[in-house]
């Protein structure tokens, strides 16, 4: 074995099987979060199914596994938003 190399140490980025749905959900998610909408996993799965139907992807399943991988791919975590951060204007912080 050559020095500096090890089997299995290279992690490759895999393109999702339903890339078009993946991107559409991400675009929707980004826009919805920009409007401070609360978004649950159930809502994300419903949106994914809507996009699948729109794109004619009859084999798509918005499973918990799909959702977990989607969140991991896009570094999304569901944390409860609390406090009054949405009520503070930027100009009030000067």
N, C-alpha and C. Protein backbone atom coordinates (compact mmCIF):
# COMPACT_ATOMS: atom_id res chain seq x y z
N UNK A 1 0.85 -1.18 0.00
CA UNK A 1 0.00 0.00 0.00
C UNK A 1 0.89 1.24 0.00
N UNK A 2 0.52 2.21 -0.80
CA UNK A 2 1.31 3.44 -0.89
C UNK A 2 1.06 4.29 0.35
N UNK A 3 2.09 5.03 0.75
CA UNK A 3 1.91 5.91 1.91
C UNK A 3 1.02 7.08 1.53
N UNK A 4 0.22 7.52 2.48
CA UNK A 4 -0.64 8.67 2.24
C UNK A 4 -1.98 8.33 1.62
N UNK A 5 -2.21 7.06 1.31
CA UNK A 5 -3.50 6.68 0.75
C UNK A 5 -4.11 5.60 1.62
N UNK A 6 -5.41 5.61 1.70
CA UNK A 6 -6.11 4.55 2.42
C UNK A 6 -7.40 4.24 1.69
N UNK A 7 -7.74 3.02 1.68
CA UNK A 7 -8.94 2.57 0.99
C UNK A 7 -10.18 3.14 1.65
N UNK A 8 -11.08 3.70 0.85
CA UNK A 8 -12.35 4.19 1.36
C UNK A 8 -12.31 5.55 2.03
N UNK A 9 -11.21 6.27 1.92
CA UNK A 9 -11.13 7.56 2.60
C UNK A 9 -11.68 8.71 1.78
N UNK A 10 -11.97 8.47 0.52
CA UNK A 10 -12.49 9.53 -0.34
C UNK A 10 -14.01 9.46 -0.31
N UNK A 11 -14.64 10.56 0.09
CA UNK A 11 -16.09 10.63 0.13
C UNK A 11 -16.56 11.35 -1.12
N UNK A 12 -17.42 10.71 -1.87
CA UNK A 12 -17.91 11.30 -3.11
C UNK A 12 -19.33 11.81 -2.92
N UNK A 13 -19.60 12.91 -3.56
CA UNK A 13 -20.93 13.48 -3.51
C UNK A 13 -21.81 12.77 -4.53
N UNK A 14 -22.90 12.22 -4.06
CA UNK A 14 -23.81 11.48 -4.92
C UNK A 14 -24.96 12.39 -5.34
N UNK A 15 -25.28 12.38 -6.61
CA UNK A 15 -26.40 13.17 -7.10
C UNK A 15 -27.69 12.44 -6.72
N UNK A 16 -28.63 13.15 -6.11
CA UNK A 16 -29.87 12.50 -5.70
C UNK A 16 -30.62 11.93 -6.92
N UNK A 17 -31.31 10.81 -6.69
CA UNK A 17 -32.05 10.16 -7.77
C UNK A 17 -33.11 11.09 -8.37
N UNK A 18 -33.70 11.90 -7.54
CA UNK A 18 -34.74 12.84 -7.99
C UNK A 18 -34.22 14.27 -7.82
N UNK A 19 -33.18 14.58 -8.55
CA UNK A 19 -32.48 15.86 -8.40
C UNK A 19 -33.39 17.06 -8.64
N UNK A 20 -34.28 16.95 -9.60
CA UNK A 20 -35.19 18.07 -9.91
C UNK A 20 -36.11 18.37 -8.72
N UNK A 21 -36.61 17.33 -8.07
CA UNK A 21 -37.46 17.51 -6.89
C UNK A 21 -36.63 18.09 -5.75
N UNK A 22 -35.44 17.56 -5.57
CA UNK A 22 -34.53 18.01 -4.53
C UNK A 22 -34.29 19.52 -4.63
N UNK A 23 -33.99 19.98 -5.83
CA UNK A 23 -33.71 21.41 -6.05
C UNK A 23 -34.97 22.26 -5.88
N UNK A 24 -36.11 21.76 -6.35
CA UNK A 24 -37.36 22.51 -6.23
C UNK A 24 -37.74 22.69 -4.76
N UNK A 25 -37.57 21.64 -3.96
CA UNK A 25 -37.88 21.73 -2.54
C UNK A 25 -36.93 22.71 -1.86
N UNK A 26 -35.65 22.67 -2.23
CA UNK A 26 -34.69 23.60 -1.65
C UNK A 26 -35.04 25.04 -2.00
N UNK A 27 -35.40 25.31 -3.24
CA UNK A 27 -35.78 26.67 -3.64
C UNK A 27 -37.01 27.13 -2.86
N UNK A 28 -38.01 26.24 -2.75
CA UNK A 28 -39.22 26.58 -2.00
C UNK A 28 -38.88 26.83 -0.53
N UNK A 29 -38.07 25.95 0.05
CA UNK A 29 -37.67 26.07 1.45
C UNK A 29 -36.96 27.40 1.70
N UNK A 30 -36.03 27.76 0.83
CA UNK A 30 -35.28 29.01 0.98
C UNK A 30 -36.22 30.21 0.94
N UNK A 31 -37.15 30.21 0.00
CA UNK A 31 -38.11 31.31 -0.11
C UNK A 31 -39.02 31.36 1.11
N UNK A 32 -39.49 30.22 1.56
CA UNK A 32 -40.40 30.18 2.71
C UNK A 32 -39.69 30.63 3.99
N UNK A 33 -38.46 30.20 4.19
CA UNK A 33 -37.71 30.63 5.38
C UNK A 33 -37.40 32.12 5.30
N UNK A 34 -37.23 32.64 4.10
CA UNK A 34 -37.01 34.08 3.93
C UNK A 34 -38.21 34.90 4.37
N UNK A 35 -39.37 34.26 4.39
CA UNK A 35 -40.60 34.92 4.85
C UNK A 35 -40.94 34.52 6.28
N UNK A 36 -39.97 33.90 6.96
CA UNK A 36 -40.11 33.47 8.36
C UNK A 36 -41.26 32.49 8.58
N UNK A 37 -41.55 31.67 7.57
CA UNK A 37 -42.58 30.65 7.72
C UNK A 37 -42.03 29.49 8.53
N UNK A 38 -42.80 28.98 9.49
CA UNK A 38 -42.37 27.77 10.18
C UNK A 38 -42.55 26.57 9.25
N UNK A 39 -41.55 25.73 9.15
CA UNK A 39 -41.59 24.60 8.22
C UNK A 39 -41.21 23.33 8.96
N UNK A 40 -42.11 22.37 8.92
CA UNK A 40 -41.86 21.08 9.57
C UNK A 40 -41.44 20.05 8.52
N UNK A 41 -41.01 18.91 9.00
CA UNK A 41 -40.67 17.81 8.11
C UNK A 41 -41.87 17.35 7.30
N UNK A 42 -43.04 17.35 7.93
CA UNK A 42 -44.27 16.96 7.25
C UNK A 42 -44.55 17.90 6.07
N UNK A 43 -44.37 19.18 6.30
CA UNK A 43 -44.60 20.17 5.23
C UNK A 43 -43.60 19.96 4.10
N UNK A 44 -42.34 19.71 4.43
CA UNK A 44 -41.33 19.46 3.39
C UNK A 44 -41.68 18.23 2.56
N UNK A 45 -42.14 17.18 3.22
CA UNK A 45 -42.51 15.97 2.48
C UNK A 45 -43.73 16.22 1.59
N UNK A 46 -44.70 16.99 2.08
CA UNK A 46 -45.87 17.33 1.26
C UNK A 46 -45.46 18.14 0.03
N UNK A 47 -44.56 19.10 0.23
CA UNK A 47 -44.08 19.90 -0.91
C UNK A 47 -43.34 19.03 -1.91
N UNK A 48 -42.52 18.12 -1.41
CA UNK A 48 -41.78 17.22 -2.30
C UNK A 48 -42.75 16.39 -3.14
N UNK A 49 -43.81 15.91 -2.52
CA UNK A 49 -44.81 15.13 -3.27
C UNK A 49 -45.53 15.99 -4.31
N UNK A 50 -45.79 17.26 -3.96
CA UNK A 50 -46.41 18.18 -4.93
C UNK A 50 -45.50 18.36 -6.14
N UNK A 51 -44.21 18.58 -5.88
CA UNK A 51 -43.27 18.75 -7.00
C UNK A 51 -43.13 17.46 -7.80
N UNK A 52 -43.12 16.31 -7.14
CA UNK A 52 -43.03 15.03 -7.84
C UNK A 52 -44.21 14.85 -8.80
N UNK A 53 -45.38 15.20 -8.31
CA UNK A 53 -46.58 15.09 -9.16
C UNK A 53 -46.49 16.05 -10.34
N UNK A 54 -46.05 17.28 -10.07
CA UNK A 54 -45.92 18.30 -11.11
C UNK A 54 -44.91 17.87 -12.18
N UNK A 55 -43.83 17.19 -11.75
CA UNK A 55 -42.77 16.76 -12.67
C UNK A 55 -43.03 15.38 -13.27
N UNK A 56 -44.14 14.75 -12.89
CA UNK A 56 -44.46 13.43 -13.43
C UNK A 56 -43.58 12.31 -12.89
N UNK A 57 -43.07 12.49 -11.69
CA UNK A 57 -42.20 11.48 -11.05
C UNK A 57 -43.07 10.56 -10.20
N UNK A 58 -43.66 9.56 -10.83
CA UNK A 58 -44.60 8.67 -10.14
C UNK A 58 -43.93 7.74 -9.13
N UNK A 59 -42.63 7.50 -9.27
CA UNK A 59 -41.94 6.56 -8.38
C UNK A 59 -41.35 7.23 -7.14
N UNK A 60 -41.51 8.53 -7.01
CA UNK A 60 -40.92 9.23 -5.88
C UNK A 60 -41.72 8.98 -4.61
N UNK A 61 -41.01 8.70 -3.53
CA UNK A 61 -41.61 8.54 -2.21
C UNK A 61 -40.96 9.54 -1.27
N UNK A 62 -41.76 10.38 -0.66
CA UNK A 62 -41.23 11.36 0.29
C UNK A 62 -41.14 10.68 1.66
N UNK A 63 -40.21 9.76 1.78
CA UNK A 63 -40.05 8.98 3.01
C UNK A 63 -39.25 9.77 4.05
N UNK A 64 -39.24 9.25 5.24
CA UNK A 64 -38.42 9.85 6.29
C UNK A 64 -36.95 9.77 5.91
N UNK A 65 -36.55 8.67 5.28
CA UNK A 65 -35.17 8.53 4.81
C UNK A 65 -34.81 9.59 3.79
N UNK A 66 -35.74 9.85 2.84
CA UNK A 66 -35.49 10.90 1.85
C UNK A 66 -35.32 12.24 2.55
N UNK A 67 -36.21 12.53 3.50
CA UNK A 67 -36.17 13.81 4.21
C UNK A 67 -34.86 13.96 4.98
N UNK A 68 -34.46 12.91 5.69
CA UNK A 68 -33.21 12.97 6.45
C UNK A 68 -32.01 13.24 5.55
N UNK A 69 -31.96 12.58 4.42
CA UNK A 69 -30.85 12.78 3.48
C UNK A 69 -30.91 14.16 2.85
N UNK A 70 -32.12 14.63 2.54
CA UNK A 70 -32.28 15.98 1.97
C UNK A 70 -31.76 17.03 2.95
N UNK A 71 -32.13 16.89 4.22
CA UNK A 71 -31.67 17.84 5.23
C UNK A 71 -30.16 17.77 5.39
N UNK A 72 -29.60 16.59 5.33
CA UNK A 72 -28.14 16.43 5.45
C UNK A 72 -27.43 17.05 4.25
N UNK A 73 -27.96 16.81 3.04
CA UNK A 73 -27.33 17.36 1.82
C UNK A 73 -27.30 18.89 1.86
N UNK A 74 -28.34 19.48 2.41
CA UNK A 74 -28.48 20.94 2.37
C UNK A 74 -28.23 21.60 3.72
N UNK A 75 -27.69 20.84 4.66
CA UNK A 75 -27.33 21.35 5.98
C UNK A 75 -28.51 22.07 6.63
N UNK A 76 -29.65 21.40 6.63
CA UNK A 76 -30.87 21.95 7.21
C UNK A 76 -31.16 21.22 8.50
N UNK A 77 -31.42 21.98 9.55
CA UNK A 77 -31.85 21.36 10.80
C UNK A 77 -33.11 22.07 11.26
N UNK A 78 -33.96 21.33 11.91
CA UNK A 78 -35.20 21.92 12.40
C UNK A 78 -35.04 22.25 13.87
N UNK A 79 -34.85 23.52 14.10
CA UNK A 79 -34.75 24.00 15.47
C UNK A 79 -35.92 24.93 15.71
N UNK A 80 -36.45 24.87 16.88
CA UNK A 80 -37.59 25.72 17.22
C UNK A 80 -37.13 27.17 17.29
N UNK A 81 -37.82 28.03 16.56
CA UNK A 81 -37.52 29.46 16.59
C UNK A 81 -38.25 30.06 17.77
N UNK A 82 -37.54 30.78 18.57
CA UNK A 82 -38.18 31.42 19.72
C UNK A 82 -37.57 32.80 19.92
N UNK A 83 -38.17 33.57 20.79
CA UNK A 83 -37.67 34.91 21.04
C UNK A 83 -38.34 35.93 20.16
N UNK A 84 -37.77 37.12 20.15
CA UNK A 84 -38.38 38.22 19.42
C UNK A 84 -37.49 38.70 18.27
N UNK A 85 -36.63 37.84 17.77
CA UNK A 85 -35.68 38.27 16.74
C UNK A 85 -36.36 38.79 15.49
N UNK A 86 -37.55 38.27 15.16
CA UNK A 86 -38.24 38.75 13.96
C UNK A 86 -38.85 40.13 14.15
N UNK A 87 -38.95 40.57 15.40
CA UNK A 87 -39.57 41.85 15.65
C UNK A 87 -38.56 42.99 15.74
N UNK A 88 -37.29 42.72 15.58
CA UNK A 88 -36.26 43.74 15.70
C UNK A 88 -35.79 44.18 14.31
N UNK A 89 -35.85 45.45 14.07
CA UNK A 89 -35.38 45.99 12.78
C UNK A 89 -33.88 46.21 12.85
N UNK A 90 -33.21 46.04 11.70
CA UNK A 90 -31.75 46.22 11.64
C UNK A 90 -31.32 47.60 12.11
N UNK A 91 -32.10 48.63 11.75
CA UNK A 91 -31.72 50.00 12.11
C UNK A 91 -31.82 50.25 13.62
N UNK A 92 -32.59 49.41 14.33
CA UNK A 92 -32.69 49.55 15.79
C UNK A 92 -31.47 48.97 16.51
N UNK A 93 -30.63 48.26 15.79
CA UNK A 93 -29.46 47.61 16.40
C UNK A 93 -28.21 48.45 16.33
N UNK A 94 -28.28 49.63 15.78
CA UNK A 94 -27.09 50.49 15.64
C UNK A 94 -26.70 51.15 16.95
